[in-house]
Amino acid sequence: MTNIADAKLVHRVALRGEAVLTSPRWNKGTAFTLDERKAFGLTGRLPFRVNTLDEQCDRAYDQLEARPEPLRKNTFLQSLKDQNWAEAISNYSHLFRRSEGLYLTFPTQDSMEEDFLEQTRGRQIDLVVCSDAEQILGIGDQGVGASCEAGIGISAAKSAIYTLLAGVDPARTLSVTLDVGTDNDDLLDDRLYVGWPHKRIRGEEYDRFVDRFVQLVRKHHPHSLLHFEDFGVTNAKRLLDKYRDKHAVFNDDVQGTGAVTLACIMSAVGVTKSKLADQRFVIFGAGSAGLGITRQLRDGIVTIDGLDQEEANKKFYLLDRFGLIKESLGAEKIREGIQEFVRPDTEWEGVSANDNGEIGLLEVVRKVKPTVLIGCSTRAGAFTEEIIKEMVKGTERPIILPLSNPSKLHEVTPENAMKWTEGKALLATGSPFPPCKLPNGKEYVVAECNNALIYPGLGLGAMLSKARTLTDTMIIAGTRRLASLAPALQNPDDALLPDFEDAPGVNYEVAVAVVEQDIEEGSADVDWKKEEVRGKVKEAQWRPLYGTYVYDPNGET
């Protein structure tokens, strides 16, 4: 990876004139020095004054703020990124989504390797982010067009977050959309839709297409991290399991959500002076996120507290649209991958159920007396006053995490959760909320359970250690490091996770922990000693800084 010292190096660049100004990698805009302008034929192409990067950022930020509509802000940031990587990343205070990357389409798969190499030949790729766009941001199938909500925009956004929060070199990232069709009828009926206008390919054809892509990544960039993003519930965990022992792969919807939630609960049990294994977990919403959280919490109990997996599984009670997931629901209502958490019917004799035999959340809370209640359902208001007050009867400090996004879909607001528990709740949410009042008049800081506090650091650590796989123990190591940074461990009225503004420093710590763990496991492909890791990670991080350029016809392009 490009390290921070590169800003002090002399770069020999082969581009001149318009070519260097239109290269986002090399363009400095008005920051080219007078000597560089002369050497690169730019004196008549730029206004006189030489600006610093900070001055350019101030100007660009003013231009951004002058655009009130979010769409216009997004368009401005896209154009900025196309012009100048350093300036754009320095300005990156909003979620940045740009329409660029590699489109791999099912009907043209015979040329996939040729298309792949066209984009990557001669480049070192450390990070590949790919999406098939089936489950975008919780709003479903959005296709693979050029908009920020479509597959390529989401992949590009994740790449940019890796750069902003972990210091991954943007020149060494690749954003990919896998166009296997769409089941969104609005897109299929749109004559201007730019993707493949076909129903989604599934089954063996889908698997062969995805495998062809994964094998290209493994063949040409064996030390890269392959990040799967926004795959549908039937494919997300399945693909992760298929490839995780063959390459360093990561799925943020499954592992990132689970890891940040585990860190949050670890800090909460630190406040209550208890253990993960002491908790009783009710998970309301058993989709990709809910199941990913459950598995990560279970793995945390096994790794940290030493329970065997079967005993740890018994700590969890999952509910989906059919209510509590129990044996009598039958195979048609219990989807693949959730069987190990199915509850036996014998536990629920005498518990009230509806006419279909389904047991709802209130009845589960009443019987289980959970210490932890997690919402991944997108059902606004599902954690009612009656449910919350019932939970308080069974635990002194209820841990309540309404994680559904956006904020209007939260299962309970922090204000209500705190009011209904008389200030006893330990809270975190999936979207940012202001502090809420405690009965003693103090303010309680509500943590935002945001994946971006951990996944860039997990990924950076895997890239730097050149890990062939991103193991569960590496993820747990990063999670424990994040939990150790929780302000609540110093003040129980403070947040269960660090503030999002501290995300760059937090992800650095996570990356250090991951590399240290990989070295300890003996699988890191670097010759670093553990005591060297902190300095090595800092040196390897990319920063948006300008180096000095010298024109050389045989230099870099």
Protein backbone atom coordinates (compact mmCIF):
# COMPACT_ATOMS: atom_id res chain seq x y z
CA MET A 1 0.00 0.00 0.00
CA THR A 2 1.11 3.60 -0.48
CA ASN A 3 2.50 4.73 2.86
CA ILE A 4 2.36 8.17 4.42
CA ALA A 5 6.00 8.80 3.58
CA ASP A 6 5.11 8.90 -0.11
CA ALA A 7 3.99 12.50 0.39
CA LYS A 8 7.69 13.33 0.85
CA LEU A 9 8.82 11.38 -2.21
CA VAL A 10 9.51 12.63 -5.71
CA HIS A 11 7.09 11.03 -8.19
CA ARG A 12 8.23 10.63 -11.78
CA VAL A 13 5.10 11.22 -13.86
CA ALA A 14 4.77 10.66 -17.62
CA LEU A 15 1.59 12.72 -18.16
CA ARG A 16 1.63 16.37 -19.29
CA GLY A 17 -0.83 19.14 -20.00
CA GLU A 18 -4.49 18.17 -20.21
CA ALA A 19 -3.64 14.53 -19.45
CA VAL A 20 -2.25 15.27 -15.99
CA LEU A 21 -5.13 17.63 -15.20
CA THR A 22 -7.71 14.98 -16.05
CA SER A 23 -6.01 12.23 -14.03
CA PRO A 24 -7.63 12.01 -10.57
CA ARG A 25 -4.53 10.21 -9.32
CA TRP A 26 -2.05 12.94 -10.31
CA ASN A 27 -4.09 16.13 -10.63
CA LYS A 28 -3.30 18.79 -8.02
CA GLY A 29 -5.31 21.57 -9.63
CA THR A 30 -4.18 24.94 -8.31
CA ALA A 31 -1.73 23.22 -5.92
CA PHE A 32 0.82 22.57 -8.68
CA THR A 33 3.93 24.61 -7.83
CA LEU A 34 5.28 27.14 -10.32
CA ASP A 35 8.17 24.79 -11.18
CA GLU A 36 5.78 21.88 -11.71
CA ARG A 37 3.51 24.02 -13.90
CA LYS A 38 6.43 24.83 -16.15
CA ALA A 39 7.66 21.23 -16.31
CA PHE A 40 4.20 19.78 -17.07
CA GLY A 41 3.05 22.48 -19.51
CA LEU A 42 0.43 23.90 -17.14
CA THR A 43 1.45 27.54 -16.75
CA GLY A 44 -1.19 28.81 -19.18
CA ARG A 45 -3.81 26.29 -18.02
CA LEU A 46 -4.08 27.40 -14.39
CA PRO A 47 -4.70 30.73 -12.65
CA PHE A 48 -1.64 32.32 -11.07
CA ARG A 49 -2.01 31.63 -7.36
CA VAL A 50 -0.70 28.37 -5.89
CA ASN A 51 -3.02 26.91 -3.23
CA THR A 52 -2.38 24.42 -0.47
CA LEU A 53 -4.53 21.30 -0.17
CA ASP A 54 -6.21 22.81 2.90
CA GLU A 55 -7.12 25.93 0.92
CA GLN A 56 -8.54 23.78 -1.88
CA CYS A 57 -10.58 21.84 0.64
CA ASP A 58 -12.00 25.01 2.16
CA ARG A 59 -13.06 26.22 -1.28
CA ALA A 60 -14.60 22.89 -2.20
CA TYR A 61 -16.46 22.66 1.10
CA ASP A 62 -17.95 26.10 0.55
CA GLN A 63 -19.10 24.95 -2.89
CA LEU A 64 -20.61 21.82 -1.33
CA GLU A 65 -22.51 23.81 1.30
CA ALA A 66 -23.90 26.12 -1.40
CA ARG A 67 -25.82 23.15 -2.83
CA PRO A 68 -28.80 22.61 -0.49
CA GLU A 69 -30.29 19.49 -2.09
CA PRO A 70 -28.68 16.11 -1.20
CA LEU A 71 -28.71 15.03 -4.86
CA ARG A 72 -26.76 18.12 -5.90
CA LYS A 73 -24.29 17.58 -3.06
CA ASN A 74 -23.79 14.01 -4.22
CA THR A 75 -23.28 15.08 -7.84
CA PHE A 76 -20.71 17.64 -6.75
CA LEU A 77 -18.77 15.06 -4.73
CA GLN A 78 -18.86 12.63 -7.65
CA SER A 79 -17.38 15.25 -9.97
CA LEU A 80 -14.78 16.20 -7.38
CA LYS A 81 -13.64 12.60 -7.01
CA ASP A 82 -13.31 12.30 -10.78
CA GLN A 83 -10.97 15.31 -10.74
CA ASN A 84 -8.76 14.89 -7.68
CA TRP A 85 -8.54 11.98 -5.21
CA ALA A 86 -6.64 13.85 -2.50
CA GLU A 87 -8.96 16.85 -2.47
CA ALA A 88 -12.08 14.69 -2.62
CA ILE A 89 -11.08 12.37 0.21
CA SER A 90 -10.02 15.32 2.38
CA ASN A 91 -13.50 16.77 1.87
CA TYR A 92 -15.28 13.55 2.55
CA SER A 93 -17.60 14.54 5.41
CA HIS A 94 -20.68 13.01 3.76
CA LEU A 95 -21.17 9.45 2.55
CA PHE A 96 -19.40 9.56 -0.80
CA ARG A 97 -20.88 7.61 -3.69
CA ARG A 98 -19.41 7.83 -7.14
CA SER A 99 -20.49 6.17 -10.38
CA GLU A 100 -17.37 4.32 -11.44
CA GLY A 101 -15.99 0.82 -11.35
CA LEU A 102 -16.25 -2.48 -13.17
CA TYR A 103 -19.54 -3.88 -14.52
CA LEU A 104 -19.53 -7.65 -15.01
CA THR A 105 -22.73 -8.80 -16.71
CA PHE A 106 -24.18 -12.29 -16.99
CA PRO A 107 -24.70 -12.39 -20.80
CA THR A 108 -21.09 -11.25 -21.43
CA GLN A 109 -19.44 -13.54 -18.90
CA ASP A 110 -17.32 -15.27 -21.55
CA SER A 111 -15.19 -12.12 -21.72
CA MET A 112 -15.09 -11.64 -17.92
CA GLU A 113 -11.36 -12.17 -17.51
CA GLU A 114 -10.57 -9.86 -20.42
CA ASP A 115 -12.86 -7.17 -18.95
CA PHE A 116 -11.40 -7.68 -15.49
CA LEU A 117 -7.81 -7.33 -16.69
CA GLU A 118 -8.70 -4.27 -18.77
CA GLN A 119 -9.51 -2.47 -15.51
CA THR A 120 -6.74 -3.93 -13.35
CA ARG A 121 -3.75 -4.71 -15.58
CA GLY A 122 -0.60 -3.18 -14.13
CA ARG A 123 -2.33 -2.23 -10.86
CA GLN A 124 -1.84 -3.65 -7.40
CA ILE A 125 -5.31 -4.24 -5.96
CA ASP A 126 -5.62 -4.54 -2.18
CA LEU A 127 -9.42 -4.26 -1.93
CA VAL A 128 -12.25 -5.49 -4.16
CA VAL A 129 -15.78 -4.46 -3.16
CA CYS A 130 -18.56 -6.18 -5.07
CA SER A 131 -22.36 -6.21 -4.97
CA ASP A 132 -25.10 -7.94 -6.92
CA ALA A 133 -27.48 -5.17 -5.75
CA GLU A 134 -30.24 -7.47 -4.50
CA GLN A 135 -30.63 -5.95 -1.04
CA ILE A 136 -29.49 -2.33 -1.17
CA LEU A 137 -29.56 -0.42 2.13
CA GLY A 138 -32.59 -2.32 3.36
CA ILE A 139 -34.73 -1.04 0.46
CA GLY A 140 -34.38 -4.07 -1.77
CA ASP A 141 -33.41 -4.73 -5.37
CA GLN A 142 -32.18 -1.49 -6.93
CA GLY A 143 -30.38 -2.89 -9.94
CA VAL A 144 -26.91 -2.00 -11.09
CA GLY A 145 -27.30 1.39 -12.73
CA ALA A 146 -25.08 4.39 -12.23
CA SER A 147 -27.07 6.00 -9.39
CA CYS A 148 -25.76 6.13 -5.84
CA GLU A 149 -28.46 3.70 -4.70
CA ALA A 150 -27.54 1.09 -7.31
CA GLY A 151 -24.91 -1.63 -7.11
CA ILE A 152 -21.92 0.27 -8.47
CA GLY A 153 -22.62 3.28 -6.26
CA ILE A 154 -22.82 1.16 -3.14
CA SER A 155 -19.57 -0.66 -3.96
CA ALA A 156 -17.81 2.62 -4.65
CA ALA A 157 -19.14 4.12 -1.42
CA LYS A 158 -17.74 1.25 0.64
CA SER A 159 -14.35 1.63 -1.08
CA ALA A 160 -14.31 5.32 -0.23
CA ILE A 161 -15.14 4.60 3.43
CA TYR A 162 -12.16 2.24 3.58
CA THR A 163 -10.01 5.11 2.34
CA LEU A 164 -11.49 7.76 4.61
CA LEU A 165 -11.58 5.77 7.85
CA ALA A 166 -8.76 3.25 7.46
CA GLY A 167 -6.32 4.82 5.02
CA VAL A 168 -6.63 2.31 2.17
CA ASP A 169 -5.04 3.68 -1.00
CA PRO A 170 -7.87 4.52 -3.46
CA ALA A 171 -5.59 3.64 -6.38
CA ARG A 172 -5.54 0.07 -5.07
CA THR A 173 -9.29 -0.45 -4.73
CA LEU A 174 -11.72 -1.87 -7.26
CA SER A 175 -15.51 -1.40 -7.14
CA VAL A 176 -17.48 -4.12 -8.93
CA THR A 177 -21.14 -4.73 -9.68
CA LEU A 178 -22.24 -8.21 -10.67
CA ASP A 179 -25.18 -7.69 -13.03
CA VAL A 180 -27.25 -10.85 -12.86
CA GLY A 181 -30.51 -9.09 -13.69
CA THR A 182 -33.15 -7.55 -11.44
CA ASP A 183 -36.54 -8.51 -10.05
CA ASN A 184 -37.51 -4.86 -9.68
CA ASP A 185 -40.38 -4.47 -12.18
CA ASP A 186 -40.05 -0.68 -12.19
CA LEU A 187 -36.51 -1.05 -13.52
CA LEU A 188 -37.45 -3.75 -16.01
CA ASP A 189 -40.21 -1.51 -17.39
CA ASP A 190 -37.92 1.54 -17.56
CA ARG A 191 -36.68 2.03 -21.14
CA LEU A 192 -33.75 4.06 -19.74
CA TYR A 193 -32.55 1.41 -17.30
CA VAL A 194 -28.84 0.89 -18.01
CA GLY A 195 -28.48 -2.60 -16.52
CA TRP A 196 -29.31 -5.98 -18.05
CA PRO A 197 -33.13 -5.93 -18.42
CA HIS A 198 -33.75 -9.50 -17.31
CA LYS A 199 -35.16 -11.28 -14.26
CA ARG A 200 -32.48 -12.27 -11.76
CA ILE A 201 -30.50 -15.38 -12.54
CA ARG A 202 -30.50 -17.84 -9.65
CA GLY A 203 -29.38 -21.37 -8.81
CA GLU A 204 -26.45 -23.06 -10.52
CA GLU A 205 -26.13 -20.40 -13.25
CA TYR A 206 -25.80 -17.70 -10.59
CA ASP A 207 -23.24 -19.70 -8.62
CA ARG A 208 -21.10 -20.37 -11.69
CA PHE A 209 -21.11 -16.67 -12.61
CA VAL A 210 -20.09 -15.56 -9.10
CA ASP A 211 -17.47 -18.30 -8.87
CA ARG A 212 -15.92 -17.21 -12.16
CA PHE A 213 -15.50 -13.71 -10.70
CA VAL A 214 -14.12 -14.92 -7.36
CA GLN A 215 -11.56 -17.13 -9.09
CA LEU A 216 -10.32 -14.12 -11.08
CA VAL A 217 -9.76 -12.21 -7.85
CA ARG A 218 -7.96 -15.18 -6.32
CA LYS A 219 -5.83 -15.72 -9.43
CA HIS A 220 -4.72 -12.16 -10.09
CA HIS A 221 -4.83 -10.60 -6.60
CA PRO A 222 -4.36 -13.42 -4.09
CA HIS A 223 -3.58 -11.11 -1.15
CA SER A 224 -6.54 -8.77 -1.68
CA LEU A 225 -9.60 -8.51 0.55
CA LEU A 226 -12.85 -9.40 -1.23
CA HIS A 227 -15.74 -7.51 0.36
CA PHE A 228 -19.29 -8.72 -0.42
CA GLU A 229 -21.91 -5.97 -0.02
CA ASP A 230 -25.73 -5.96 -0.10
CA PHE A 231 -26.27 -9.50 -1.33
CA GLY A 232 -29.73 -10.97 -0.73
CA VAL A 233 -30.59 -13.08 2.29
CA THR A 234 -30.42 -16.34 0.31
CA ASN A 235 -26.88 -15.64 -0.88
CA ALA A 236 -25.07 -13.45 1.68
CA LYS A 237 -24.10 -16.01 4.31
CA ARG A 238 -23.99 -18.88 1.81
CA LEU A 239 -21.34 -17.18 -0.35
CA LEU A 240 -19.39 -16.10 2.71
CA ASP A 241 -19.26 -19.69 3.96
CA LYS A 242 -18.35 -20.99 0.51
CA TYR A 243 -15.26 -18.81 0.08
CA ARG A 244 -14.06 -17.82 3.55
CA ASP A 245 -11.56 -20.70 3.78
CA LYS A 246 -10.23 -20.05 0.27
CA HIS A 247 -9.60 -16.29 0.29
CA ALA A 248 -9.78 -13.28 2.61
CA VAL A 249 -13.48 -12.49 2.18
CA PHE A 250 -15.78 -10.30 4.27
CA ASN A 251 -19.48 -9.53 4.28
CA ASP A 252 -20.31 -6.32 6.09
CA ASP A 253 -24.03 -7.05 6.37
CA VAL A 254 -23.26 -10.31 8.16
CA GLN A 255 -19.89 -9.87 9.89
CA GLY A 256 -19.61 -6.09 10.20
CA THR A 257 -23.05 -5.68 11.75
CA GLY A 258 -22.38 -8.61 14.04
CA ALA A 259 -18.95 -7.36 15.09
CA VAL A 260 -19.99 -3.82 16.00
CA THR A 261 -23.01 -5.16 17.91
CA LEU A 262 -20.80 -7.61 19.80
CA ALA A 263 -18.45 -4.75 20.72
CA CYS A 264 -21.41 -2.71 21.94
CA ILE A 265 -22.72 -5.53 24.13
CA MET A 266 -19.23 -6.29 25.44
CA SER A 267 -18.97 -2.72 26.70
CA ALA A 268 -22.49 -2.97 28.17
CA VAL A 269 -21.63 -6.13 30.12
CA GLY A 270 -18.49 -4.32 31.23
CA VAL A 271 -20.75 -1.69 32.79
CA THR A 272 -22.94 -4.33 34.46
CA LYS A 273 -19.88 -6.31 35.64
CA SER A 274 -21.25 -9.49 34.04
CA LYS A 275 -20.20 -11.79 31.19
CA LEU A 276 -21.49 -12.44 27.69
CA ALA A 277 -22.36 -15.98 28.75
CA ASP A 278 -24.62 -14.61 31.51
CA GLN A 279 -26.94 -12.90 29.02
CA ARG A 280 -30.27 -14.01 27.56
CA PHE A 281 -30.63 -12.62 24.03
CA VAL A 282 -33.88 -11.91 22.17
CA ILE A 283 -33.30 -10.99 18.51
CA PHE A 284 -36.33 -9.41 16.84
CA GLY A 285 -35.75 -9.75 13.09
CA ALA A 286 -33.86 -12.78 11.78
CA GLY A 287 -32.77 -11.62 8.32
CA SER A 288 -29.13 -11.29 7.20
CA ALA A 289 -28.36 -8.66 9.85
CA GLY A 290 -30.19 -10.37 12.70
CA LEU A 291 -28.69 -13.76 11.95
CA GLY A 292 -25.23 -12.26 11.46
CA ILE A 293 -25.49 -10.55 14.84
CA THR A 294 -26.65 -13.77 16.48
CA ARG A 295 -23.77 -15.80 15.08
CA GLN A 296 -21.19 -13.16 16.01
CA LEU A 297 -22.52 -12.93 19.57
CA ARG A 298 -22.52 -16.72 19.80
CA ASP A 299 -18.93 -16.90 18.54
CA GLY A 300 -17.98 -14.23 21.07
CA ILE A 301 -19.42 -16.32 23.90
CA VAL A 302 -17.51 -19.38 22.67
CA THR A 303 -14.20 -17.55 22.19
CA ILE A 304 -14.27 -15.23 25.19
CA ASP A 305 -16.18 -17.20 27.84
CA GLY A 306 -15.30 -20.73 26.74
CA LEU A 307 -18.75 -22.25 26.27
CA ASP A 308 -19.15 -24.89 23.61
CA GLN A 309 -21.18 -23.86 20.57
CA GLU A 310 -24.26 -25.92 21.40
CA GLU A 311 -24.55 -24.38 24.87
CA ALA A 312 -23.97 -20.89 23.48
CA ASN A 313 -26.75 -21.38 20.91
CA LYS A 314 -29.22 -21.87 23.75
CA LYS A 315 -28.71 -18.27 24.88
CA PHE A 316 -30.62 -16.96 21.82
CA TYR A 317 -34.31 -16.57 20.99
CA LEU A 318 -34.98 -15.38 17.42
CA LEU A 319 -38.21 -13.98 16.01
CA ASP A 320 -39.17 -13.28 12.41
CA ARG A 321 -42.49 -12.61 10.67
CA PHE A 322 -43.78 -15.94 11.99
CA GLY A 323 -42.96 -15.02 15.58
CA LEU A 324 -40.61 -17.09 17.69
CA ILE A 325 -38.61 -19.51 15.54
CA LYS A 326 -39.55 -22.89 17.02
CA GLU A 327 -39.76 -26.46 15.79
CA SER A 328 -43.47 -26.56 15.01
CA LEU A 329 -43.18 -23.80 12.41
CA GLY A 330 -41.97 -26.52 10.05
CA ALA A 331 -39.43 -26.53 7.24
CA GLU A 332 -41.47 -24.15 5.04
CA LYS A 333 -41.26 -21.34 7.62
CA ILE A 334 -37.75 -21.98 8.95
CA ARG A 335 -35.30 -20.76 6.34
CA GLU A 336 -31.91 -22.22 5.56
CA GLY A 337 -29.10 -21.33 7.94
CA ILE A 338 -31.18 -20.73 11.05
CA GLN A 339 -31.72 -24.32 12.22
CA GLU A 340 -29.14 -24.23 15.03
CA PHE A 341 -31.16 -21.54 16.83
CA VAL A 342 -34.60 -23.17 16.55
CA ARG A 343 -36.28 -23.53 19.96
CA PRO A 344 -37.93 -26.81 21.00
CA ASP A 345 -41.70 -26.67 21.38
CA THR A 346 -41.52 -28.29 24.81
CA GLU A 347 -40.19 -25.00 26.20
CA TRP A 348 -43.37 -23.18 25.24
CA GLU A 349 -46.17 -25.33 26.59
CA GLY A 350 -48.81 -23.09 28.14
CA VAL A 351 -47.51 -19.92 26.45
CA SER A 352 -50.16 -17.93 24.56
CA ALA A 353 -49.97 -18.15 20.76
CA ASN A 354 -52.12 -16.79 17.93
CA ASP A 355 -54.48 -18.86 15.79
CA ASN A 356 -51.55 -20.00 13.63
CA GLY A 357 -49.62 -21.20 16.66
CA GLU A 358 -47.16 -18.29 16.43
CA ILE A 359 -45.69 -16.77 19.60
CA GLY A 360 -45.17 -13.01 19.62
CA LEU A 361 -42.51 -10.76 21.13
CA LEU A 362 -44.38 -9.89 24.32
CA GLU A 363 -44.87 -13.54 25.22
CA VAL A 364 -41.20 -14.30 24.51
CA VAL A 365 -40.02 -11.41 26.68
CA ARG A 366 -42.40 -12.41 29.46
CA LYS A 367 -41.09 -16.00 29.52
CA VAL A 368 -37.41 -15.53 28.71
CA LYS A 369 -36.80 -12.38 30.80
CA PRO A 370 -34.04 -11.27 28.40
CA THR A 371 -31.11 -9.16 29.49
CA VAL A 372 -30.50 -8.09 25.86
CA LEU A 373 -33.17 -7.06 23.34
CA ILE A 374 -32.00 -6.37 19.77
CA GLY A 375 -34.17 -5.04 16.94
CA CYS A 376 -33.34 -5.70 13.27
CA SER A 377 -36.95 -5.81 12.05
CA THR A 378 -37.55 -2.36 10.45
CA ARG A 379 -40.88 -2.43 12.35
CA ALA A 380 -41.18 1.02 13.88
CA GLY A 381 -42.44 1.02 17.45
CA ALA A 382 -42.32 -2.78 17.84
CA PHE A 383 -40.72 -2.43 21.29
CA THR A 384 -43.83 -1.13 23.03
CA GLU A 385 -44.09 0.28 26.54
CA GLU A 386 -45.59 -3.01 27.74
CA ILE A 387 -42.71 -5.02 26.27
CA ILE A 388 -40.01 -2.73 27.68
CA LYS A 389 -41.59 -2.67 31.14
CA GLU A 390 -41.91 -6.45 31.04
CA MET A 391 -38.19 -6.69 30.25
CA VAL A 392 -37.30 -4.49 33.24
CA LYS A 393 -38.95 -7.02 35.55
CA GLY A 394 -36.28 -9.56 34.68
CA THR A 395 -33.07 -7.53 34.74
CA GLU A 396 -31.65 -4.57 36.61
CA ARG A 397 -29.92 -2.91 33.60
CA PRO A 398 -31.71 -3.94 30.35
CA ILE A 399 -29.51 -3.72 27.26
CA ILE A 400 -31.73 -2.43 24.42
CA LEU A 401 -30.46 -2.04 20.86
CA PRO A 402 -33.04 -0.86 18.28
CA LEU A 403 -30.78 -1.15 15.23
CA SER A 404 -33.18 -0.82 12.28
CA ASN A 405 -32.41 1.97 9.80
CA PRO A 406 -33.34 4.71 9.12
CA SER A 407 -34.33 6.32 12.43
CA LYS A 408 -38.04 6.37 11.53
CA LEU A 409 -37.97 2.54 11.48
CA HIS A 410 -36.44 2.12 14.94
CA GLU A 411 -38.25 -0.37 17.18
CA VAL A 412 -38.20 2.19 20.03
CA THR A 413 -36.80 5.68 20.45
CA PRO A 414 -34.05 6.15 23.04
CA GLU A 415 -36.22 8.70 24.83
CA ASN A 416 -39.05 6.20 25.31
CA ALA A 417 -36.72 3.33 26.20
CA MET A 418 -35.10 5.42 28.89
CA LYS A 419 -38.45 6.70 30.20
CA TRP A 420 -40.05 3.24 30.34
CA THR A 421 -37.02 1.76 32.16
CA GLU A 422 -36.79 4.70 34.60
CA GLY A 423 -33.29 5.48 33.36
CA LYS A 424 -31.91 1.95 33.78
CA ALA A 425 -31.44 1.02 30.11
CA LEU A 426 -28.11 0.70 28.35
CA LEU A 427 -28.80 1.85 24.81
CA ALA A 428 -27.37 1.88 21.32
CA THR A 429 -29.13 2.59 18.02
CA GLY A 430 -28.58 1.98 14.33
CA SER A 431 -28.88 5.70 13.47
CA PRO A 432 -27.58 8.78 15.29
CA PHE A 433 -29.77 10.15 18.08
CA PRO A 434 -29.19 13.07 20.45
CA PRO A 435 -28.56 12.38 24.17
CA CYS A 436 -31.65 11.63 26.25
CA LYS A 437 -32.49 12.74 29.76
CA LEU A 438 -32.08 10.51 32.81
CA PRO A 439 -34.41 10.82 35.83
CA ASN A 440 -31.59 12.51 37.78
CA GLY A 441 -31.39 15.25 35.16
CA LYS A 442 -28.15 14.03 33.59
CA GLU A 443 -27.88 13.26 29.91
CA TYR A 444 -27.30 9.75 28.58
CA VAL A 445 -25.16 9.59 25.44
CA VAL A 446 -26.70 7.18 22.92
CA ALA A 447 -24.11 5.16 21.01
CA GLU A 448 -24.53 4.75 17.27
CA CYS A 449 -23.96 1.09 16.43
CA ASN A 450 -22.36 1.93 13.09
CA ASN A 451 -20.47 -0.74 11.12
CA ALA A 452 -18.01 1.90 9.95
CA LEU A 453 -16.48 1.88 13.43
CA ILE A 454 -15.02 -1.54 12.71
CA TYR A 455 -15.18 -2.95 9.15
CA PRO A 456 -12.55 -0.63 7.59
CA GLY A 457 -10.12 -1.58 10.35
CA LEU A 458 -10.86 -5.29 10.02
CA GLY A 459 -10.25 -5.03 6.28
CA LEU A 460 -7.08 -2.96 6.60
CA GLY A 461 -5.66 -5.43 9.09
CA ALA A 462 -6.31 -8.35 6.75
CA MET A 463 -4.76 -6.48 3.80
CA LEU A 464 -1.63 -5.50 5.70
CA SER A 465 -1.01 -8.95 7.17
CA LYS A 466 -1.65 -10.42 3.69
CA ALA A 467 -4.03 -12.86 5.28
CA ARG A 468 -5.25 -15.69 3.06
CA THR A 469 -8.39 -15.85 5.21
CA LEU A 470 -10.08 -13.41 7.60
CA THR A 471 -10.64 -15.73 10.55
CA ASP A 472 -13.28 -15.52 13.27
CA THR A 473 -10.53 -15.01 15.83
CA MET A 474 -9.13 -12.05 13.88
CA ILE A 475 -12.61 -10.49 13.84
CA ILE A 476 -13.04 -11.15 17.57
CA ALA A 477 -9.65 -9.52 18.24
CA GLY A 478 -10.73 -6.37 16.39
CA THR A 479 -14.08 -6.42 18.19
CA ARG A 480 -12.48 -6.66 21.61
CA ARG A 481 -10.22 -3.73 20.78
CA LEU A 482 -13.23 -1.63 19.75
CA ALA A 483 -15.10 -2.56 22.94
CA SER A 484 -12.12 -1.56 25.06
CA LEU A 485 -12.40 2.00 23.69
CA ALA A 486 -16.00 2.49 24.88
CA PRO A 487 -16.50 5.71 26.91
CA ALA A 488 -19.06 3.84 29.06
CA LEU A 489 -16.27 1.83 30.66
CA GLN A 490 -15.08 5.07 32.25
CA ASN A 491 -18.52 6.62 32.84
CA PRO A 492 -21.68 4.43 32.79
CA ASP A 493 -23.76 7.41 31.60
CA ASP A 494 -21.56 7.75 28.52
CA ALA A 495 -21.81 5.96 25.16
CA LEU A 496 -21.35 2.21 24.73
CA LEU A 497 -19.19 2.87 21.64
CA PRO A 498 -16.76 5.62 20.60
CA ASP A 499 -18.18 8.62 18.77
CA PHE A 500 -18.29 8.30 14.99
CA GLU A 501 -16.02 11.37 14.74
CA ASP A 502 -13.28 9.20 16.24
CA ALA A 503 -13.73 6.49 13.60
CA PRO A 504 -10.31 6.92 11.91
CA GLY A 505 -8.43 6.44 15.18
CA VAL A 506 -10.74 3.61 16.23
CA ASN A 507 -10.24 1.74 12.94
CA TYR A 508 -6.48 2.13 13.29
CA GLU A 509 -6.70 0.37 16.66
CA VAL A 510 -8.90 -2.35 15.16
CA ALA A 511 -6.42 -2.91 12.31
CA VAL A 512 -3.53 -3.19 14.78
CA ALA A 513 -5.44 -5.81 16.78
CA VAL A 514 -6.23 -7.84 13.63
CA VAL A 515 -2.61 -7.87 12.44
CA GLU A 516 -1.37 -8.78 15.92
CA GLN A 517 -3.82 -11.69 16.04
CA ASP A 518 -2.83 -12.91 12.58
CA ILE A 519 0.84 -12.84 13.57
CA GLU A 520 0.00 -14.72 16.78
CA GLU A 521 -1.86 -17.36 14.79
CA GLY A 522 1.17 -17.77 12.54
CA SER A 523 -0.72 -17.14 9.31
CA ALA A 524 0.41 -13.58 8.53
CA ASP A 525 2.52 -13.30 5.35
CA VAL A 526 4.73 -10.53 6.78
CA ASP A 527 7.92 -10.71 8.81
CA TRP A 528 6.77 -8.17 11.44
CA LYS A 529 7.15 -8.71 15.16
CA LYS A 530 4.07 -7.96 17.27
CA GLU A 531 5.80 -5.00 18.92
CA GLU A 532 6.37 -3.46 15.47
CA VAL A 533 2.74 -3.63 14.34
CA ARG A 534 1.52 -0.24 15.57
CA GLY A 535 4.26 1.61 13.70
CA LYS A 536 3.96 -0.55 10.58
CA VAL A 537 0.21 0.03 10.31
CA LYS A 538 0.64 3.78 10.74
CA GLU A 539 3.32 3.87 8.05
CA ALA A 540 1.18 1.88 5.61
CA GLN A 541 -1.91 4.10 5.78
CA TRP A 542 -2.60 6.28 2.75
CA ARG A 543 -3.14 9.97 3.38
CA PRO A 544 -4.55 12.63 1.02
CA LEU A 545 -1.28 14.56 0.68
CA TYR A 546 0.54 15.89 -2.36
CA GLY A 547 4.05 14.72 -3.23
CA THR A 548 6.54 16.47 -5.49
CA TYR A 549 6.33 15.69 -9.23
CA VAL A 550 9.07 15.52 -11.83
CA TYR A 551 8.17 15.07 -15.51
CA ASP A 552 9.60 11.84 -16.93
CA PRO A 553 8.34 10.38 -20.27
CA ASN A 554 9.12 6.94 -18.84
CA GLY A 555 7.47 7.61 -15.50
CA GLU A 556 4.10 6.61 -14.04
CA THR A 557 0.78 7.28 -15.72
